[in-house]
Amino acid sequence: MAMVRAAEPQAESGIHALLQSNGWREPTIQKLKMLDQPFQSDDPIMVACHKGAINENGGIVVYSDPIEDT
C-alpha cells in the first residue's frame, strides 16, 4: 500500500513517482482509493503511513497478505 498527498487527477502519477523513487521499477496500481479528509483509522500502521504522506513525500507499507476491503 502506498499513500501520497495529491489532488485526484495527480494521485496515480504521484504514487508511481513515490514507488519508483524507492526502487520499484515498473509499479502497477491494482486499485486506487481516494481517502477522506480528515483521515480516520484505528490501525497504527495506516496512521503512520498517512503521516508519511502528509509530512513527507509519501508513505509505503508492504503487507505479506492482501488487504481486505472493509
PDB file of N, CA and C in Angstrom:
ATOM      1  N   MET A   1       0.839  -1.149   0.000  1.00  0.00           N
ATOM      2  CA  MET A   1       0.000   0.000   0.000  1.00  0.00           C
ATOM      3  C   MET A   1       0.899   1.231   0.000  1.00  0.00           C
ATOM      4  N   ALA A   2       0.508   2.201  -0.779  1.00  0.00           N
ATOM      5  CA  ALA A   2       1.246   3.459  -0.835  1.00  0.00           C
ATOM      6  C   ALA A   2       0.258   4.605  -0.706  1.00  0.00           C
ATOM      7  N   MET A   3       0.675   5.657  -0.009  1.00  0.00           N
ATOM      8  CA  MET A   3      -0.155   6.853   0.143  1.00  0.00           C
ATOM      9  C   MET A   3       0.644   8.075  -0.255  1.00  0.00           C
ATOM     10  N   VAL A   4       0.014   8.948  -0.995  1.00  0.00           N
ATOM     11  CA  VAL A   4       0.594  10.248  -1.314  1.00  0.00           C
ATOM     12  C   VAL A   4      -0.482  11.311  -1.101  1.00  0.00           C
ATOM     13  N   ARG A   5      -0.035  12.514  -0.852  1.00  0.00           N
ATOM     14  CA  ARG A   5      -0.978  13.632  -0.763  1.00  0.00           C
ATOM     15  C   ARG A   5      -1.022  14.291  -2.133  1.00  0.00           C
ATOM     16  N   ALA A   6      -2.185  14.226  -2.766  1.00  0.00           N
ATOM     17  CA  ALA A   6      -2.313  14.761  -4.124  1.00  0.00           C
ATOM     18  C   ALA A   6      -3.782  14.976  -4.445  1.00  0.00           C
ATOM     19  N   ALA A   7      -4.012  15.889  -5.376  1.00  0.00           N
ATOM     20  CA  ALA A   7      -5.359  16.041  -5.912  1.00  0.00           C
ATOM     21  C   ALA A   7      -5.675  14.798  -6.732  1.00  0.00           C
ATOM     22  N   GLU A   8      -6.937  14.467  -6.875  1.00  0.00           N
ATOM     23  CA  GLU A   8      -7.334  13.228  -7.556  1.00  0.00           C
ATOM     24  C   GLU A   8      -6.680  13.038  -8.929  1.00  0.00           C
ATOM     25  N   PRO A   9      -6.614  14.064  -9.787  1.00  0.00           N
ATOM     26  CA  PRO A   9      -6.001  13.840 -11.110  1.00  0.00           C
ATOM     27  C   PRO A   9      -4.506  13.486 -11.055  1.00  0.00           C
ATOM     28  N   GLN A  10      -3.812  13.884  -9.980  1.00  0.00           N
ATOM     29  CA  GLN A  10      -2.379  13.601  -9.863  1.00  0.00           C
ATOM     30  C   GLN A  10      -2.057  12.425  -8.940  1.00  0.00           C
ATOM     31  N   ALA A  11      -3.062  11.785  -8.371  1.00  0.00           N
ATOM     32  CA  ALA A  11      -2.821  10.724  -7.392  1.00  0.00           C
ATOM     33  C   ALA A  11      -2.052   9.544  -7.983  1.00  0.00           C
ATOM     34  N   GLU A  12      -2.485   9.048  -9.119  1.00  0.00           N
ATOM     35  CA  GLU A  12      -1.830   7.873  -9.708  1.00  0.00           C
ATOM     36  C   GLU A  12      -0.378   8.177 -10.083  1.00  0.00           C
ATOM     37  N   SER A  13      -0.128   9.313 -10.700  1.00  0.00           N
ATOM     38  CA  SER A  13       1.251   9.648 -11.077  1.00  0.00           C
ATOM     39  C   SER A  13       2.104   9.897  -9.831  1.00  0.00           C
ATOM     40  N   GLY A  14       1.500  10.431  -8.761  1.00  0.00           N
ATOM     41  CA  GLY A  14       2.232  10.630  -7.514  1.00  0.00           C
ATOM     42  C   GLY A  14       2.641   9.315  -6.880  1.00  0.00           C
ATOM     43  N   ILE A  15       1.754   8.330  -6.928  1.00  0.00           N
ATOM     44  CA  ILE A  15       2.080   7.010  -6.384  1.00  0.00           C
ATOM     45  C   ILE A  15       3.177   6.350  -7.216  1.00  0.00           C
ATOM     46  N   HIS A  16       3.071   6.448  -8.542  1.00  0.00           N
ATOM     47  CA  HIS A  16       4.124   5.899  -9.403  1.00  0.00           C
ATOM     48  C   HIS A  16       5.470   6.532  -9.072  1.00  0.00           C
ATOM     49  N   ALA A  17       5.502   7.845  -8.929  1.00  0.00           N
ATOM     50  CA  ALA A  17       6.750   8.548  -8.627  1.00  0.00           C
ATOM     51  C   ALA A  17       7.313   8.113  -7.275  1.00  0.00           C
ATOM     52  N   LEU A  18       6.443   7.984  -6.268  1.00  0.00           N
ATOM     53  CA  LEU A  18       6.880   7.543  -4.949  1.00  0.00           C
ATOM     54  C   LEU A  18       7.492   6.150  -5.010  1.00  0.00           C
ATOM     55  N   LEU A  19       6.797   5.227  -5.648  1.00  0.00           N
ATOM     56  CA  LEU A  19       7.301   3.852  -5.723  1.00  0.00           C
ATOM     57  C   LEU A  19       8.604   3.774  -6.519  1.00  0.00           C
ATOM     58  N   GLN A  20       8.676   4.466  -7.641  1.00  0.00           N
ATOM     59  CA  GLN A  20       9.892   4.444  -8.449  1.00  0.00           C
ATOM     60  C   GLN A  20      11.061   5.061  -7.701  1.00  0.00           C
ATOM     61  N   SER A  21      10.827   6.104  -6.914  1.00  0.00           N
ATOM     62  CA  SER A  21      11.912   6.723  -6.154  1.00  0.00           C
ATOM     63  C   SER A  21      12.400   5.829  -5.022  1.00  0.00           C
ATOM     64  N   ASN A  22      11.621   4.792  -4.692  1.00  0.00           N
ATOM     65  CA  ASN A  22      12.012   3.843  -3.652  1.00  0.00           C
ATOM     66  C   ASN A  22      12.404   2.482  -4.212  1.00  0.00           C
ATOM     67  N   GLY A  23      12.712   2.423  -5.517  1.00  0.00           N
ATOM     68  CA  GLY A  23      13.280   1.209  -6.081  1.00  0.00           C
ATOM     69  C   GLY A  23      12.372   0.336  -6.910  1.00  0.00           C
ATOM     70  N   TRP A  24      11.081   0.572  -6.928  1.00  0.00           N
ATOM     71  CA  TRP A  24      10.201  -0.216  -7.785  1.00  0.00           C
ATOM     72  C   TRP A  24      10.417   0.233  -9.225  1.00  0.00           C
ATOM     73  N   ARG A  25      10.669  -0.704 -10.111  1.00  0.00           N
ATOM     74  CA  ARG A  25      10.996  -0.350 -11.488  1.00  0.00           C
ATOM     75  C   ARG A  25       9.760  -0.071 -12.345  1.00  0.00           C
ATOM     76  N   GLU A  26       8.796  -0.949 -12.324  1.00  0.00           N
ATOM     77  CA  GLU A  26       7.582  -0.781 -13.132  1.00  0.00           C
ATOM     78  C   GLU A  26       6.358  -1.088 -12.274  1.00  0.00           C
ATOM     79  N   PRO A  27       6.014  -0.179 -11.362  1.00  0.00           N
ATOM     80  CA  PRO A  27       4.875  -0.466 -10.479  1.00  0.00           C
ATOM     81  C   PRO A  27       3.553  -0.485 -11.240  1.00  0.00           C
ATOM     82  N   THR A  28       2.665  -1.351 -10.790  1.00  0.00           N
ATOM     83  CA  THR A  28       1.324  -1.447 -11.353  1.00  0.00           C
ATOM     84  C   THR A  28       0.325  -1.174 -10.245  1.00  0.00           C
ATOM     85  N   ILE A  29      -0.552  -0.234 -10.461  1.00  0.00           N
ATOM     86  CA  ILE A  29      -1.584   0.074  -9.477  1.00  0.00           C
ATOM     87  C   ILE A  29      -2.793  -0.800  -9.776  1.00  0.00           C
ATOM     88  N   GLN A  30      -3.143  -1.653  -8.808  1.00  0.00           N
ATOM     89  CA  GLN A  30      -4.277  -2.535  -8.989  1.00  0.00           C
ATOM     90  C   GLN A  30      -5.574  -1.888  -8.538  1.00  0.00           C
ATOM     91  N   LYS A  31      -5.483  -1.022  -7.551  1.00  0.00           N
ATOM     92  CA  LYS A  31      -6.682  -0.380  -7.017  1.00  0.00           C
ATOM     93  C   LYS A  31      -6.279   0.975  -6.457  1.00  0.00           C
ATOM     94  N   LEU A  32      -7.032   1.991  -6.797  1.00  0.00           N
ATOM     95  CA  LEU A  32      -6.763   3.340  -6.320  1.00  0.00           C
ATOM     96  C   LEU A  32      -7.966   3.799  -5.505  1.00  0.00           C
ATOM     97  N   LYS A  33      -7.703   4.255  -4.293  1.00  0.00           N
ATOM     98  CA  LYS A  33      -8.782   4.712  -3.419  1.00  0.00           C
ATOM     99  C   LYS A  33      -8.405   6.083  -2.880  1.00  0.00           C
ATOM    100  N   MET A  34      -9.278   7.034  -3.061  1.00  0.00           N
ATOM    101  CA  MET A  34      -9.081   8.369  -2.513  1.00  0.00           C
ATOM    102  C   MET A  34      -9.591   8.359  -1.072  1.00  0.00           C
ATOM    103  N   LEU A  35      -8.803   8.911  -0.152  1.00  0.00           N
ATOM    104  CA  LEU A  35      -9.183   8.926   1.262  1.00  0.00           C
ATOM    105  C   LEU A  35      -9.857  10.241   1.627  1.00  0.00           C
ATOM    106  N   ASP A  36     -10.741  10.151   2.587  1.00  0.00           N
ATOM    107  CA  ASP A  36     -11.426  11.337   3.088  1.00  0.00           C
ATOM    108  C   ASP A  36     -10.492  12.149   3.970  1.00  0.00           C
ATOM    109  N   GLN A  37     -10.773  13.416   4.057  1.00  0.00           N
ATOM    110  CA  GLN A  37     -10.088  14.285   4.998  1.00  0.00           C
ATOM    111  C   GLN A  37     -11.105  14.715   6.033  1.00  0.00           C
ATOM    112  N   PRO A  38     -10.886  14.658   7.297  1.00  0.00           N
ATOM    113  CA  PRO A  38      -9.680  14.131   7.916  1.00  0.00           C
ATOM    114  C   PRO A  38      -9.668  12.604   7.892  1.00  0.00           C
ATOM    115  N   PHE A  39      -8.496  12.034   7.786  1.00  0.00           N
ATOM    116  CA  PHE A  39      -8.301  10.585   7.726  1.00  0.00           C
ATOM    117  C   PHE A  39      -8.494   9.999   9.118  1.00  0.00           C
ATOM    118  N   GLN A  40      -9.252   8.919   9.218  1.00  0.00           N
ATOM    119  CA  GLN A  40      -9.507   8.242  10.487  1.00  0.00           C
ATOM    120  C   GLN A  40      -9.179   6.761  10.347  1.00  0.00           C
ATOM    121  N   SER A  41      -8.386   6.239  11.269  1.00  0.00           N
ATOM    122  CA  SER A  41      -8.093   4.808  11.293  1.00  0.00           C
ATOM    123  C   SER A  41      -7.651   4.409  12.691  1.00  0.00           C
ATOM    124  N   ASP A  42      -7.998   3.190  13.087  1.00  0.00           N
ATOM    125  CA  ASP A  42      -7.538   2.637  14.356  1.00  0.00           C
ATOM    126  C   ASP A  42      -6.252   1.833  14.176  1.00  0.00           C
ATOM    127  N   ASP A  43      -5.833   1.630  12.941  1.00  0.00           N
ATOM    128  CA  ASP A  43      -4.644   0.843  12.630  1.00  0.00           C
ATOM    129  C   ASP A  43      -3.409   1.740  12.704  1.00  0.00           C
ATOM    130  N   PRO A  44      -2.499   1.495  13.655  1.00  0.00           N
ATOM    131  CA  PRO A  44      -1.324   2.362  13.800  1.00  0.00           C
ATOM    132  C   PRO A  44      -0.421   2.370  12.566  1.00  0.00           C
ATOM    133  N   ILE A  45      -0.400   1.286  11.797  1.00  0.00           N
ATOM    134  CA  ILE A  45       0.415   1.243  10.580  1.00  0.00           C
ATOM    135  C   ILE A  45      -0.183   2.169   9.526  1.00  0.00           C
ATOM    136  N   MET A  46      -1.500   2.145   9.392  1.00  0.00           N
ATOM    137  CA  MET A  46      -2.172   3.043   8.451  1.00  0.00           C
ATOM    138  C   MET A  46      -1.966   4.503   8.852  1.00  0.00           C
ATOM    139  N   VAL A  47      -2.044   4.788  10.148  1.00  0.00           N
ATOM    140  CA  VAL A  47      -1.854   6.157  10.637  1.00  0.00           C
ATOM    141  C   VAL A  47      -0.424   6.620  10.341  1.00  0.00           C
ATOM    142  N   ALA A  48       0.563   5.766  10.564  1.00  0.00           N
ATOM    143  CA  ALA A  48       1.957   6.122  10.277  1.00  0.00           C
ATOM    144  C   ALA A  48       2.163   6.359   8.783  1.00  0.00           C
ATOM    145  N   CYS A  49       1.553   5.538   7.948  1.00  0.00           N
ATOM    146  CA  CYS A  49       1.659   5.705   6.501  1.00  0.00           C
ATOM    147  C   CYS A  49       1.021   7.032   6.086  1.00  0.00           C
ATOM    148  N   HIS A  50      -0.119   7.350   6.670  1.00  0.00           N
ATOM    149  CA  HIS A  50      -0.801   8.608   6.359  1.00  0.00           C
ATOM    150  C   HIS A  50       0.054   9.800   6.786  1.00  0.00           C
ATOM    151  N   LYS A  51       0.679   9.724   7.953  1.00  0.00           N
ATOM    152  CA  LYS A  51       1.557  10.813   8.404  1.00  0.00           C
ATOM    153  C   LYS A  51       2.716  11.002   7.442  1.00  0.00           C
ATOM    154  N   GLY A  52       3.255   9.901   6.912  1.00  0.00           N
ATOM    155  CA  GLY A  52       4.317   9.996   5.911  1.00  0.00           C
ATOM    156  C   GLY A  52       3.842  10.686   4.651  1.00  0.00           C
ATOM    157  N   ALA A  53       2.609  10.422   4.273  1.00  0.00           N
ATOM    158  CA  ALA A  53       2.048  11.056   3.074  1.00  0.00           C
ATOM    159  C   ALA A  53       1.827  12.550   3.289  1.00  0.00           C
ATOM    160  N   ILE A  54       1.474  12.935   4.494  1.00  0.00           N
ATOM    161  CA  ILE A  54       1.193  14.338   4.789  1.00  0.00           C
ATOM    162  C   ILE A  54       2.478  15.119   5.063  1.00  0.00           C
ATOM    163  N   ASN A  55       3.373  14.548   5.854  1.00  0.00           N
ATOM    164  CA  ASN A  55       4.553  15.276   6.315  1.00  0.00           C
ATOM    165  C   ASN A  55       5.798  15.088   5.456  1.00  0.00           C
ATOM    166  N   GLU A  56       5.790  14.102   4.593  1.00  0.00           N
ATOM    167  CA  GLU A  56       6.956  13.820   3.762  1.00  0.00           C
ATOM    168  C   GLU A  56       6.486  13.668   2.320  1.00  0.00           C
ATOM    169  N   ASN A  57       7.237  12.907   1.520  1.00  0.00           N
ATOM    170  CA  ASN A  57       6.875  12.710   0.120  1.00  0.00           C
ATOM    171  C   ASN A  57       5.843  11.614  -0.072  1.00  0.00           C
ATOM    172  N   GLY A  58       5.605  10.814   0.948  1.00  0.00           N
ATOM    173  CA  GLY A  58       4.648   9.731   0.833  1.00  0.00           C
ATOM    174  C   GLY A  58       4.919   8.661   1.857  1.00  0.00           C
ATOM    175  N   GLY A  59       4.020   7.713   1.929  1.00  0.00           N
ATOM    176  CA  GLY A  59       4.168   6.603   2.850  1.00  0.00           C
ATOM    177  C   GLY A  59       3.974   5.287   2.121  1.00  0.00           C
ATOM    178  N   ILE A  60       4.775   4.294   2.500  1.00  0.00           N
ATOM    179  CA  ILE A  60       4.685   2.969   1.883  1.00  0.00           C
ATOM    180  C   ILE A  60       4.609   1.933   2.995  1.00  0.00           C
ATOM    181  N   VAL A  61       3.691   0.982   2.853  1.00  0.00           N
ATOM    182  CA  VAL A  61       3.596  -0.161   3.753  1.00  0.00           C
ATOM    183  C   VAL A  61       3.522  -1.395   2.872  1.00  0.00           C
ATOM    184  N   VAL A  62       4.346  -2.391   3.162  1.00  0.00           N
ATOM    185  CA  VAL A  62       4.328  -3.649   2.414  1.00  0.00           C
ATOM    186  C   VAL A  62       3.725  -4.712   3.325  1.00  0.00           C
ATOM    187  N   TYR A  63       2.590  -5.260   2.902  1.00  0.00           N
ATOM    188  CA  TYR A  63       1.902  -6.312   3.639  1.00  0.00           C
ATOM    189  C   TYR A  63       2.224  -7.654   2.994  1.00  0.00           C
ATOM    190  N   SER A  64       2.346  -8.703   3.812  1.00  0.00           N
ATOM    191  CA  SER A  64       2.607 -10.028   3.259  1.00  0.00           C
ATOM    192  C   SER A  64       1.327 -10.679   2.741  1.00  0.00           C
ATOM    193  N   ASP A  65       0.185 -10.256   3.244  1.00  0.00           N
ATOM    194  CA  ASP A  65      -1.108 -10.788   2.803  1.00  0.00           C
ATOM    195  C   ASP A  65      -1.901  -9.656   2.154  1.00  0.00           C
ATOM    196  N   PRO A  66      -2.804  -9.986   1.238  1.00  0.00           N
ATOM    197  CA  PRO A  66      -3.633  -8.944   0.619  1.00  0.00           C
ATOM    198  C   PRO A  66      -4.446  -8.187   1.660  1.00  0.00           C
ATOM    199  N   ILE A  67      -4.684  -6.915   1.419  1.00  0.00           N
ATOM    200  CA  ILE A  67      -5.510  -6.096   2.289  1.00  0.00           C
ATOM    201  C   ILE A  67      -6.963  -6.342   1.939  1.00  0.00           C
ATOM    202  N   GLU A  68      -7.755  -6.688   2.942  1.00  0.00           N
ATOM    203  CA  GLU A  68      -9.174  -6.952   2.743  1.00  0.00           C
ATOM    204  C   GLU A  68      -9.927  -5.624   2.721  1.00  0.00           C
ATOM    205  N   ASP A  69     -10.891  -5.485   1.806  1.00  0.00           N
ATOM    206  CA  ASP A  69     -11.767  -4.312   1.804  1.00  0.00           C
ATOM    207  C   ASP A  69     -12.710  -4.390   2.979  1.00  0.00           C
ATOM    208  N   THR A  70     -12.985  -3.239   3.584  1.00  0.00           N
ATOM    209  CA  THR A  70     -13.941  -3.220   4.702  1.00  0.00           C
ATOM    210  C   THR A  70     -15.108  -2.342   4.362  1.00  0.00           C
TER     211      THR A  70
END
